[in-house]
Amino acid sequence: IDHPLAALGKIKDNHDSYGIILIDVTMEGMDGYTLGSEIRRFERDEHLDKLHLVSLSGNSGTEHTRKCRQAGFDYILHKPVERQRIVDLVQLLFSSNHIAPQLSN
């Protein structure tokens, strides 16, 4: 999806169709921190189960981690990210015995 507002609309319309959302924190129109916060607000307001939110970013450090936590992200992946790393995370999240640490790098 090309624009964060379009992504938010699709998530609101079909929340139960998603399990994991990968969000680049640097986007035009709305940054990923704001998009993550808006998704979490929608879930709270509608009493929905939380989706797994994953931040994709070239940023690192304590300020970035703080912003991700504040926005409601569960995991952070730093760019460049290898495809296998994403595959491994998705498999972990959807395994039957999933217990993963929050905001893993």
PDB file of N, CA and C in Angstrom:
ATOM      1  N   ILE A   1       0.863  -1.169   0.000  1.00  0.00           N
ATOM      2  CA  ILE A   1       0.000   0.000   0.000  1.00  0.00           C
ATOM      3  C   ILE A   1       0.902   1.222   0.000  1.00  0.00           C
ATOM      4  N   ASP A   2       0.601   2.170  -0.857  1.00  0.00           N
ATOM      5  CA  ASP A   2       1.491   3.301  -1.069  1.00  0.00           C
ATOM      6  C   ASP A   2       1.410   4.406  -0.018  1.00  0.00           C
ATOM      7  N   HIS A   3       0.292   4.538   0.658  1.00  0.00           N
ATOM      8  CA  HIS A   3       0.132   5.657   1.575  1.00  0.00           C
ATOM      9  C   HIS A   3      -0.346   5.166   2.940  1.00  0.00           C
ATOM     10  N   PRO A   4       0.208   5.714   4.019  1.00  0.00           N
ATOM     11  CA  PRO A   4      -0.178   5.264   5.362  1.00  0.00           C
ATOM     12  C   PRO A   4      -1.675   5.391   5.663  1.00  0.00           C
ATOM     13  N   LEU A   5      -2.312   6.439   5.168  1.00  0.00           N
ATOM     14  CA  LEU A   5      -3.749   6.587   5.424  1.00  0.00           C
ATOM     15  C   LEU A   5      -4.553   5.496   4.721  1.00  0.00           C
ATOM     16  N   ALA A   6      -4.107   5.095   3.532  1.00  0.00           N
ATOM     17  CA  ALA A   6      -4.758   3.986   2.833  1.00  0.00           C
ATOM     18  C   ALA A   6      -4.561   2.693   3.611  1.00  0.00           C
ATOM     19  N   ALA A   7      -3.366   2.503   4.147  1.00  0.00           N
ATOM     20  CA  ALA A   7      -3.091   1.310   4.955  1.00  0.00           C
ATOM     21  C   ALA A   7      -3.981   1.287   6.189  1.00  0.00           C
ATOM     22  N   LEU A   8      -4.107   2.415   6.858  1.00  0.00           N
ATOM     23  CA  LEU A   8      -4.952   2.490   8.048  1.00  0.00           C
ATOM     24  C   LEU A   8      -6.400   2.162   7.708  1.00  0.00           C
ATOM     25  N   GLY A   9      -6.882   2.674   6.595  1.00  0.00           N
ATOM     26  CA  GLY A   9      -8.252   2.372   6.171  1.00  0.00           C
ATOM     27  C   GLY A   9      -8.455   0.893   5.915  1.00  0.00           C
ATOM     28  N   LYS A  10      -7.506   0.258   5.255  1.00  0.00           N
ATOM     29  CA  LYS A  10      -7.620  -1.183   4.991  1.00  0.00           C
ATOM     30  C   LYS A  10      -7.589  -1.983   6.291  1.00  0.00           C
ATOM     31  N   ILE A  11      -6.735  -1.582   7.209  1.00  0.00           N
ATOM     32  CA  ILE A  11      -6.660  -2.273   8.497  1.00  0.00           C
ATOM     33  C   ILE A  11      -7.972  -2.110   9.258  1.00  0.00           C
ATOM     34  N   LYS A  12      -8.526  -0.917   9.250  1.00  0.00           N
ATOM     35  CA  LYS A  12      -9.803  -0.688   9.939  1.00  0.00           C
ATOM     36  C   LYS A  12     -10.927  -1.503   9.301  1.00  0.00           C
ATOM     37  N   ASP A  13     -10.929  -1.588   7.972  1.00  0.00           N
ATOM     38  CA  ASP A  13     -11.989  -2.312   7.277  1.00  0.00           C
ATOM     39  C   ASP A  13     -11.862  -3.828   7.399  1.00  0.00           C
ATOM     40  N   ASN A  14     -10.634  -4.325   7.569  1.00  0.00           N
ATOM     41  CA  ASN A  14     -10.398  -5.772   7.540  1.00  0.00           C
ATOM     42  C   ASN A  14      -9.452  -6.228   8.646  1.00  0.00           C
ATOM     43  N   HIS A  15      -9.562  -5.663   9.819  1.00  0.00           N
ATOM     44  CA  HIS A  15      -8.636  -5.932  10.919  1.00  0.00           C
ATOM     45  C   HIS A  15      -8.399  -7.416  11.141  1.00  0.00           C
ATOM     46  N   ASP A  16      -9.458  -8.194  11.144  1.00  0.00           N
ATOM     47  CA  ASP A  16      -9.338  -9.623  11.440  1.00  0.00           C
ATOM     48  C   ASP A  16      -8.645 -10.415  10.332  1.00  0.00           C
ATOM     49  N   SER A  17      -8.416  -9.793   9.190  1.00  0.00           N
ATOM     50  CA  SER A  17      -7.728 -10.465   8.085  1.00  0.00           C
ATOM     51  C   SER A  17      -6.213 -10.409   8.223  1.00  0.00           C
ATOM     52  N   TYR A  18      -5.732  -9.599   9.143  1.00  0.00           N
ATOM     53  CA  TYR A  18      -4.299  -9.407   9.311  1.00  0.00           C
ATOM     54  C   TYR A  18      -3.839 -10.029  10.625  1.00  0.00           C
ATOM     55  N   GLY A  19      -2.603 -10.464  10.648  1.00  0.00           N
ATOM     56  CA  GLY A  19      -2.014 -10.955  11.888  1.00  0.00           C
ATOM     57  C   GLY A  19      -0.769 -10.179  12.244  1.00  0.00           C
ATOM     58  N   ILE A  20      -0.079  -9.725  11.204  1.00  0.00           N
ATOM     59  CA  ILE A  20       1.174  -8.994  11.386  1.00  0.00           C
ATOM     60  C   ILE A  20       1.214  -7.845  10.385  1.00  0.00           C
ATOM     61  N   ILE A  21       1.672  -6.691  10.857  1.00  0.00           N
ATOM     62  CA  ILE A  21       1.789  -5.514  10.002  1.00  0.00           C
ATOM     63  C   ILE A  21       3.235  -5.029  10.077  1.00  0.00           C
ATOM     64  N   LEU A  22       3.884  -4.948   8.925  1.00  0.00           N
ATOM     65  CA  LEU A  22       5.242  -4.412   8.823  1.00  0.00           C
ATOM     66  C   LEU A  22       5.123  -2.941   8.439  1.00  0.00           C
ATOM     67  N   ILE A  23       5.708  -2.062   9.235  1.00  0.00           N
ATOM     68  CA  ILE A  23       5.562  -0.625   9.006  1.00  0.00           C
ATOM     69  C   ILE A  23       6.929   0.036   8.954  1.00  0.00           C
ATOM     70  N   ASP A  24       7.197   0.704   7.834  1.00  0.00           N
ATOM     71  CA  ASP A  24       8.394   1.529   7.716  1.00  0.00           C
ATOM     72  C   ASP A  24       8.119   2.815   8.488  1.00  0.00           C
ATOM     73  N   VAL A  25       8.992   3.185   9.397  1.00  0.00           N
ATOM     74  CA  VAL A  25       8.711   4.373  10.208  1.00  0.00           C
ATOM     75  C   VAL A  25       8.920   5.680   9.445  1.00  0.00           C
ATOM     76  N   THR A  26       9.589   5.635   8.302  1.00  0.00           N
ATOM     77  CA  THR A  26       9.829   6.843   7.515  1.00  0.00           C
ATOM     78  C   THR A  26       8.968   6.788   6.258  1.00  0.00           C
ATOM     79  N   MET A  27       7.823   7.466   6.309  1.00  0.00           N
ATOM     80  CA  MET A  27       6.904   7.495   5.174  1.00  0.00           C
ATOM     81  C   MET A  27       6.401   8.920   4.987  1.00  0.00           C
ATOM     82  N   GLU A  28       5.939   9.210   3.796  1.00  0.00           N
ATOM     83  CA  GLU A  28       5.345  10.518   3.524  1.00  0.00           C
ATOM     84  C   GLU A  28       3.891  10.515   3.954  1.00  0.00           C
ATOM     85  N   GLY A  29       3.433  11.637   4.452  1.00  0.00           N
ATOM     86  CA  GLY A  29       2.032  11.787   4.811  1.00  0.00           C
ATOM     87  C   GLY A  29       1.738  11.458   6.264  1.00  0.00           C
ATOM     88  N   MET A  30       2.377  10.434   6.785  1.00  0.00           N
ATOM     89  CA  MET A  30       2.206  10.031   8.178  1.00  0.00           C
ATOM     90  C   MET A  30       3.378   9.110   8.506  1.00  0.00           C
ATOM     91  N   ASP A  31       4.111   9.416   9.565  1.00  0.00           N
ATOM     92  CA  ASP A  31       5.231   8.532   9.870  1.00  0.00           C
ATOM     93  C   ASP A  31       4.725   7.229  10.490  1.00  0.00           C
ATOM     94  N   GLY A  32       5.582   6.246  10.514  1.00  0.00           N
ATOM     95  CA  GLY A  32       5.200   4.927  11.019  1.00  0.00           C
ATOM     96  C   GLY A  32       4.850   4.907  12.487  1.00  0.00           C
ATOM     97  N   TYR A  33       5.461   5.795  13.261  1.00  0.00           N
ATOM     98  CA  TYR A  33       5.124   5.873  14.687  1.00  0.00           C
ATOM     99  C   TYR A  33       3.660   6.280  14.843  1.00  0.00           C
ATOM    100  N   THR A  34       3.250   7.266  14.056  1.00  0.00           N
ATOM    101  CA  THR A  34       1.859   7.725  14.107  1.00  0.00           C
ATOM    102  C   THR A  34       0.918   6.644  13.619  1.00  0.00           C
ATOM    103  N   LEU A  35       1.283   5.966  12.543  1.00  0.00           N
ATOM    104  CA  LEU A  35       0.443   4.884  12.028  1.00  0.00           C
ATOM    105  C   LEU A  35       0.290   3.780  13.075  1.00  0.00           C
ATOM    106  N   GLY A  36       1.386   3.398  13.708  1.00  0.00           N
ATOM    107  CA  GLY A  36       1.311   2.386  14.769  1.00  0.00           C
ATOM    108  C   GLY A  36       0.385   2.823  15.897  1.00  0.00           C
ATOM    109  N   SER A  37       0.516   4.077  16.315  1.00  0.00           N
ATOM    110  CA  SER A  37      -0.344   4.623  17.376  1.00  0.00           C
ATOM    111  C   SER A  37      -1.813   4.614  16.973  1.00  0.00           C
ATOM    112  N   GLU A  38      -2.085   4.970  15.721  1.00  0.00           N
ATOM    113  CA  GLU A  38      -3.471   4.990  15.229  1.00  0.00           C
ATOM    114  C   GLU A  38      -4.061   3.579  15.174  1.00  0.00           C
ATOM    115  N   ILE A  39      -3.258   2.607  14.774  1.00  0.00           N
ATOM    116  CA  ILE A  39      -3.731   1.217  14.771  1.00  0.00           C
ATOM    117  C   ILE A  39      -4.066   0.793  16.195  1.00  0.00           C
ATOM    118  N   ARG A  40      -3.185   1.088  17.148  1.00  0.00           N
ATOM    119  CA  ARG A  40      -3.429   0.717  18.545  1.00  0.00           C
ATOM    120  C   ARG A  40      -4.654   1.431  19.106  1.00  0.00           C
ATOM    121  N   ARG A  41      -4.846   2.689  18.746  1.00  0.00           N
ATOM    122  CA  ARG A  41      -6.033   3.428  19.209  1.00  0.00           C
ATOM    123  C   ARG A  41      -7.301   2.768  18.668  1.00  0.00           C
ATOM    124  N   PHE A  42      -7.301   2.432  17.408  1.00  0.00           N
ATOM    125  CA  PHE A  42      -8.450   1.771  16.792  1.00  0.00           C
ATOM    126  C   PHE A  42      -8.742   0.449  17.500  1.00  0.00           C
ATOM    127  N   GLU A  43      -7.709  -0.333  17.768  1.00  0.00           N
ATOM    128  CA  GLU A  43      -7.909  -1.624  18.454  1.00  0.00           C
ATOM    129  C   GLU A  43      -8.512  -1.422  19.848  1.00  0.00           C
ATOM    130  N   ARG A  44      -8.017  -0.423  20.572  1.00  0.00           N
ATOM    131  CA  ARG A  44      -8.568  -0.135  21.910  1.00  0.00           C
ATOM    132  C   ARG A  44     -10.025   0.307  21.812  1.00  0.00           C
ATOM    133  N   ASP A  45     -10.281   1.259  20.910  1.00  0.00           N
ATOM    134  CA  ASP A  45     -11.635   1.801  20.782  1.00  0.00           C
ATOM    135  C   ASP A  45     -12.650   0.749  20.373  1.00  0.00           C
ATOM    136  N   GLU A  46     -12.231  -0.181  19.532  1.00  0.00           N
ATOM    137  CA  GLU A  46     -13.138  -1.218  19.022  1.00  0.00           C
ATOM    138  C   GLU A  46     -13.042  -2.533  19.800  1.00  0.00           C
ATOM    139  N   HIS A  47     -12.229  -2.550  20.849  1.00  0.00           N
ATOM    140  CA  HIS A  47     -12.050  -3.749  21.684  1.00  0.00           C
ATOM    141  C   HIS A  47     -11.624  -4.963  20.859  1.00  0.00           C
ATOM    142  N   LEU A  48     -10.603  -4.748  20.034  1.00  0.00           N
ATOM    143  CA  LEU A  48     -10.093  -5.798  19.148  1.00  0.00           C
ATOM    144  C   LEU A  48      -8.792  -6.369  19.693  1.00  0.00           C
ATOM    145  N   ASP A  49      -8.507  -7.605  19.310  1.00  0.00           N
ATOM    146  CA  ASP A  49      -7.209  -8.186  19.631  1.00  0.00           C
ATOM    147  C   ASP A  49      -6.127  -7.397  18.914  1.00  0.00           C
ATOM    148  N   LYS A  50      -4.960  -7.332  19.538  1.00  0.00           N
ATOM    149  CA  LYS A  50      -3.853  -6.594  18.936  1.00  0.00           C
ATOM    150  C   LYS A  50      -3.203  -7.398  17.817  1.00  0.00           C
ATOM    151  N   LEU A  51      -2.927  -6.687  16.725  1.00  0.00           N
ATOM    152  CA  LEU A  51      -2.109  -7.248  15.660  1.00  0.00           C
ATOM    153  C   LEU A  51      -0.650  -7.163  16.099  1.00  0.00           C
ATOM    154  N   HIS A  52       0.211  -7.967  15.496  1.00  0.00           N
ATOM    155  CA  HIS A  52       1.645  -7.846  15.730  1.00  0.00           C
ATOM    156  C   HIS A  52       2.146  -6.702  14.853  1.00  0.00           C
ATOM    157  N   LEU A  53       2.674  -5.651  15.475  1.00  0.00           N
ATOM    158  CA  LEU A  53       3.224  -4.520  14.731  1.00  0.00           C
ATOM    159  C   LEU A  53       4.741  -4.608  14.741  1.00  0.00           C
ATOM    160  N   VAL A  54       5.319  -4.547  13.547  1.00  0.00           N
ATOM    161  CA  VAL A  54       6.768  -4.640  13.377  1.00  0.00           C
ATOM    162  C   VAL A  54       7.268  -3.368  12.706  1.00  0.00           C
ATOM    163  N   SER A  55       8.198  -2.702  13.356  1.00  0.00           N
ATOM    164  CA  SER A  55       8.830  -1.511  12.803  1.00  0.00           C
ATOM    165  C   SER A  55       9.985  -1.923  11.906  1.00  0.00           C
ATOM    166  N   LEU A  56      10.011  -1.362  10.699  1.00  0.00           N
ATOM    167  CA  LEU A  56      11.145  -1.507   9.791  1.00  0.00           C
ATOM    168  C   LEU A  56      11.805  -0.142   9.709  1.00  0.00           C
ATOM    169  N   SER A  57      13.091  -0.084  10.023  1.00  0.00           N
ATOM    170  CA  SER A  57      13.714   1.221  10.062  1.00  0.00           C
ATOM    171  C   SER A  57      15.219   1.154   9.907  1.00  0.00           C
ATOM    172  N   GLY A  58      15.756   2.193   9.349  1.00  0.00           N
ATOM    173  CA  GLY A  58      17.199   2.383   9.330  1.00  0.00           C
ATOM    174  C   GLY A  58      17.661   3.062  10.609  1.00  0.00           C
ATOM    175  N   ASN A  59      16.709   3.513  11.413  1.00  0.00           N
ATOM    176  CA  ASN A  59      17.017   4.159  12.686  1.00  0.00           C
ATOM    177  C   ASN A  59      17.375   3.115  13.732  1.00  0.00           C
ATOM    178  N   SER A  60      18.133   3.538  14.723  1.00  0.00           N
ATOM    179  CA  SER A  60      18.428   2.671  15.861  1.00  0.00           C
ATOM    180  C   SER A  60      18.656   3.563  17.072  1.00  0.00           C
ATOM    181  N   GLY A  61      18.939   2.966  18.187  1.00  0.00           N
ATOM    182  CA  GLY A  61      19.230   3.726  19.393  1.00  0.00           C
ATOM    183  C   GLY A  61      18.046   3.814  20.329  1.00  0.00           C
ATOM    184  N   THR A  62      18.309   4.390  21.489  1.00  0.00           N
ATOM    185  CA  THR A  62      17.301   4.415  22.548  1.00  0.00           C
ATOM    186  C   THR A  62      16.100   5.293  22.206  1.00  0.00           C
ATOM    187  N   GLU A  63      16.324   6.399  21.494  1.00  0.00           N
ATOM    188  CA  GLU A  63      15.202   7.278  21.130  1.00  0.00           C
ATOM    189  C   GLU A  63      14.245   6.572  20.173  1.00  0.00           C
ATOM    190  N   HIS A  64      14.794   5.883  19.186  1.00  0.00           N
ATOM    191  CA  HIS A  64      13.961   5.129  18.248  1.00  0.00           C
ATOM    192  C   HIS A  64      13.195   4.026  18.981  1.00  0.00           C
ATOM    193  N   THR A  65      13.871   3.311  19.860  1.00  0.00           N
ATOM    194  CA  THR A  65      13.215   2.248  20.626  1.00  0.00           C
ATOM    195  C   THR A  65      12.099   2.822  21.489  1.00  0.00           C
ATOM    196  N   ARG A  66      12.347   3.969  22.116  1.00  0.00           N
ATOM    197  CA  ARG A  66      11.325   4.616  22.944  1.00  0.00           C
ATOM    198  C   ARG A  66      10.104   4.989  22.112  1.00  0.00           C
ATOM    199  N   LYS A  67      10.345   5.566  20.936  1.00  0.00           N
ATOM    200  CA  LYS A  67       9.236   5.955  20.060  1.00  0.00           C
ATOM    201  C   LYS A  67       8.441   4.726  19.607  1.00  0.00           C
ATOM    202  N   CYS A  68       9.140   3.637  19.313  1.00  0.00           N
ATOM    203  CA  CYS A  68       8.455   2.409  18.901  1.00  0.00           C
ATOM    204  C   CYS A  68       7.592   1.861  20.034  1.00  0.00           C
ATOM    205  N   ARG A  69       8.134   1.831  21.225  1.00  0.00           N
ATOM    206  CA  ARG A  69       7.354   1.360  22.384  1.00  0.00           C
ATOM    207  C   ARG A  69       6.129   2.231  22.591  1.00  0.00           C
ATOM    208  N   GLN A  70       6.351   3.537  22.557  1.00  0.00           N
ATOM    209  CA  GLN A  70       5.263   4.483  22.763  1.00  0.00           C
ATOM    210  C   GLN A  70       4.168   4.326  21.706  1.00  0.00           C
ATOM    211  N   ALA A  71       4.560   4.004  20.490  1.00  0.00           N
ATOM    212  CA  ALA A  71       3.599   3.843  19.392  1.00  0.00           C
ATOM    213  C   ALA A  71       2.897   2.485  19.423  1.00  0.00           C
ATOM    214  N   GLY A  72       3.404   1.552  20.222  1.00  0.00           N
ATOM    215  CA  GLY A  72       2.742   0.258  20.334  1.00  0.00           C
ATOM    216  C   GLY A  72       3.342  -0.858  19.503  1.00  0.00           C
ATOM    217  N   PHE A  73       4.545  -0.648  18.964  1.00  0.00           N
ATOM    218  CA  PHE A  73       5.184  -1.704  18.186  1.00  0.00           C
ATOM    219  C   PHE A  73       5.612  -2.855  19.093  1.00  0.00           C
ATOM    220  N   ASP A  74       5.537  -4.059  18.544  1.00  0.00           N
ATOM    221  CA  ASP A  74       5.948  -5.257  19.274  1.00  0.00           C
ATOM    222  C   ASP A  74       7.386  -5.641  18.972  1.00  0.00           C
ATOM    223  N   TYR A  75       7.836  -5.345  17.777  1.00  0.00           N
ATOM    224  CA  TYR A  75       9.156  -5.764  17.306  1.00  0.00           C
ATOM    225  C   TYR A  75       9.775  -4.681  16.446  1.00  0.00           C
ATOM    226  N   ILE A  76      11.112  -4.668  16.412  1.00  0.00           N
ATOM    227  CA  ILE A  76      11.853  -3.731  15.564  1.00  0.00           C
ATOM    228  C   ILE A  76      12.801  -4.543  14.694  1.00  0.00           C
ATOM    229  N   LEU A  77      12.758  -4.291  13.404  1.00  0.00           N
ATOM    230  CA  LEU A  77      13.742  -4.850  12.480  1.00  0.00           C
ATOM    231  C   LEU A  77      14.495  -3.685  11.874  1.00  0.00           C
ATOM    232  N   HIS A  78      15.822  -3.767  11.896  1.00  0.00           N
ATOM    233  CA  HIS A  78      16.657  -2.691  11.370  1.00  0.00           C
ATOM    234  C   HIS A  78      17.053  -2.985   9.931  1.00  0.00           C
ATOM    235  N   LYS A  79      16.940  -1.957   9.093  1.00  0.00           N
ATOM    236  CA  LYS A  79      17.333  -2.075   7.688  1.00  0.00           C
ATOM    237  C   LYS A  79      18.852  -1.995   7.587  1.00  0.00           C
ATOM    238  N   PRO A  80      19.449  -2.621   6.629  1.00  0.00           N
ATOM    239  CA  PRO A  80      18.792  -3.551   5.704  1.00  0.00           C
ATOM    240  C   PRO A  80      18.458  -4.844   6.434  1.00  0.00           C
ATOM    241  N   VAL A  81      17.282  -5.371   6.140  1.00  0.00           N
ATOM    242  CA  VAL A  81      16.853  -6.600   6.792  1.00  0.00           C
ATOM    243  C   VAL A  81      16.838  -7.715   5.746  1.00  0.00           C
ATOM    244  N   GLU A  82      17.388  -8.832   6.121  1.00  0.00           N
ATOM    245  CA  GLU A  82      17.400  -9.972   5.213  1.00  0.00           C
ATOM    246  C   GLU A  82      16.023 -10.621   5.173  1.00  0.00           C
ATOM    247  N   ARG A  83      15.653 -11.070   4.011  1.00  0.00           N
ATOM    248  CA  ARG A  83      14.351 -11.709   3.817  1.00  0.00           C
ATOM    249  C   ARG A  83      14.132 -12.842   4.815  1.00  0.00           C
ATOM    250  N   GLN A  84      15.147 -13.642   5.054  1.00  0.00           N
ATOM    251  CA  GLN A  84      15.011 -14.786   5.968  1.00  0.00           C
ATOM    252  C   GLN A  84      14.670 -14.332   7.381  1.00  0.00           C
ATOM    253  N   ARG A  85      15.159 -13.164   7.774  1.00  0.00           N
ATOM    254  CA  ARG A  85      14.847 -12.632   9.109  1.00  0.00           C
ATOM    255  C   ARG A  85      13.347 -12.365   9.236  1.00  0.00           C
ATOM    256  N   ILE A  86      12.747 -11.835   8.175  1.00  0.00           N
ATOM    257  CA  ILE A  86      11.302 -11.583   8.185  1.00  0.00           C
ATOM    258  C   ILE A  86      10.547 -12.911   8.200  1.00  0.00           C
ATOM    259  N   VAL A  87      10.974 -13.850   7.380  1.00  0.00           N
ATOM    260  CA  VAL A  87      10.338 -15.175   7.341  1.00  0.00           C
ATOM    261  C   VAL A  87      10.406 -15.828   8.716  1.00  0.00           C
ATOM    262  N   ASP A  88      11.565 -15.767   9.358  1.00  0.00           N
ATOM    263  CA  ASP A  88      11.729 -16.371  10.681  1.00  0.00           C
ATOM    264  C   ASP A  88      10.800 -15.730  11.710  1.00  0.00           C
ATOM    265  N   LEU A  89      10.670 -14.403  11.664  1.00  0.00           N
ATOM    266  CA  LEU A  89       9.794 -13.706  12.605  1.00  0.00           C
ATOM    267  C   LEU A  89       8.339 -14.098  12.377  1.00  0.00           C
ATOM    268  N   VAL A  90       7.910 -14.133  11.136  1.00  0.00           N
ATOM    269  CA  VAL A  90       6.527 -14.524  10.830  1.00  0.00           C
ATOM    270  C   VAL A  90       6.262 -15.953  11.303  1.00  0.00           C
ATOM    271  N   GLN A  91       7.190 -16.848  11.042  1.00  0.00           N
ATOM    272  CA  GLN A  91       7.016 -18.238  11.500  1.00  0.00           C
ATOM    273  C   GLN A  91       6.941 -18.305  13.016  1.00  0.00           C
ATOM    274  N   LEU A  92       7.776 -17.544  13.690  1.00  0.00           N
ATOM    275  CA  LEU A  92       7.748 -17.514  15.151  1.00  0.00           C
ATOM    276  C   LEU A  92       6.408 -17.000  15.667  1.00  0.00           C
ATOM    277  N   LEU A  93       5.932 -15.916  15.074  1.00  0.00           N
ATOM    278  CA  LEU A  93       4.688 -15.307  15.541  1.00  0.00           C
ATOM    279  C   LEU A  93       3.484 -16.217  15.346  1.00  0.00           C
ATOM    280  N   PHE A  94       3.532 -17.051  14.338  1.00  0.00           N
ATOM    281  CA  PHE A  94       2.383 -17.895  14.058  1.00  0.00           C
ATOM    282  C   PHE A  94       2.584 -19.351  14.465  1.00  0.00           C
ATOM    283  N   SER A  95       3.660 -19.622  15.201  1.00  0.00           N
ATOM    284  CA  SER A  95       3.841 -20.977  15.716  1.00  0.00           C
ATOM    285  C   SER A  95       2.890 -21.175  16.896  1.00  0.00           C
ATOM    286  N   SER A  96       2.503 -22.401  17.141  1.00  0.00           N
ATOM    287  CA  SER A  96       1.505 -22.682  18.176  1.00  0.00           C
ATOM    288  C   SER A  96       2.023 -22.415  19.580  1.00  0.00           C
ATOM    289  N   ASN A  97       3.330 -22.447  19.785  1.00  0.00           N
ATOM    290  CA  ASN A  97       3.883 -22.220  21.126  1.00  0.00           C
ATOM    291  C   ASN A  97       4.646 -20.901  21.202  1.00  0.00           C
ATOM    292  N   HIS A  98       4.161 -19.899  20.516  1.00  0.00           N
ATOM    293  CA  HIS A  98       4.848 -18.609  20.416  1.00  0.00           C
ATOM    294  C   HIS A  98       4.895 -17.875  21.757  1.00  0.00           C
ATOM    295  N   ILE A  99       6.090 -17.634  22.219  1.00  0.00           N
ATOM    296  CA  ILE A  99       6.341 -16.714  23.320  1.00  0.00           C
ATOM    297  C   ILE A  99       7.606 -15.956  22.914  1.00  0.00           C
ATOM    298  N   ALA A 100       7.447 -14.722  22.455  1.00  0.00           N
ATOM    299  CA  ALA A 100       8.591 -13.956  21.960  1.00  0.00           C
ATOM    300  C   ALA A 100       8.761 -12.686  22.782  1.00  0.00           C
ATOM    301  N   PRO A 101       9.985 -12.236  22.949  1.00  0.00           N
ATOM    302  CA  PRO A 101      10.215 -10.999  23.689  1.00  0.00           C
ATOM    303  C   PRO A 101       9.729  -9.790  22.905  1.00  0.00           C
ATOM    304  N   GLN A 102       9.258  -8.799  23.614  1.00  0.00           N
ATOM    305  CA  GLN A 102       8.828  -7.563  22.973  1.00  0.00           C
ATOM    306  C   GLN A 102      10.019  -6.804  22.436  1.00  0.00           C
ATOM    307  N   LEU A 103       9.828  -6.122  21.335  1.00  0.00           N
ATOM    308  CA  LEU A 103      10.813  -5.245  20.733  1.00  0.00           C
ATOM    309  C   LEU A 103      12.156  -5.916  20.533  1.00  0.00           C
ATOM    310  N   SER A 104      12.128  -7.142  19.996  1.00  0.00           N
ATOM    311  CA  SER A 104      13.379  -7.836  19.698  1.00  0.00           C
ATOM    312  C   SER A 104      14.050  -7.202  18.495  1.00  0.00           C
ATOM    313  N   ASN A 105      15.366  -7.249  18.476  1.00  0.00           N
ATOM    314  CA  ASN A 105      16.128  -6.699  17.350  1.00  0.00           C
ATOM    315  C   ASN A 105      16.516  -7.778  16.405  1.00  0.00           C
TER     316      ASN A 105
END
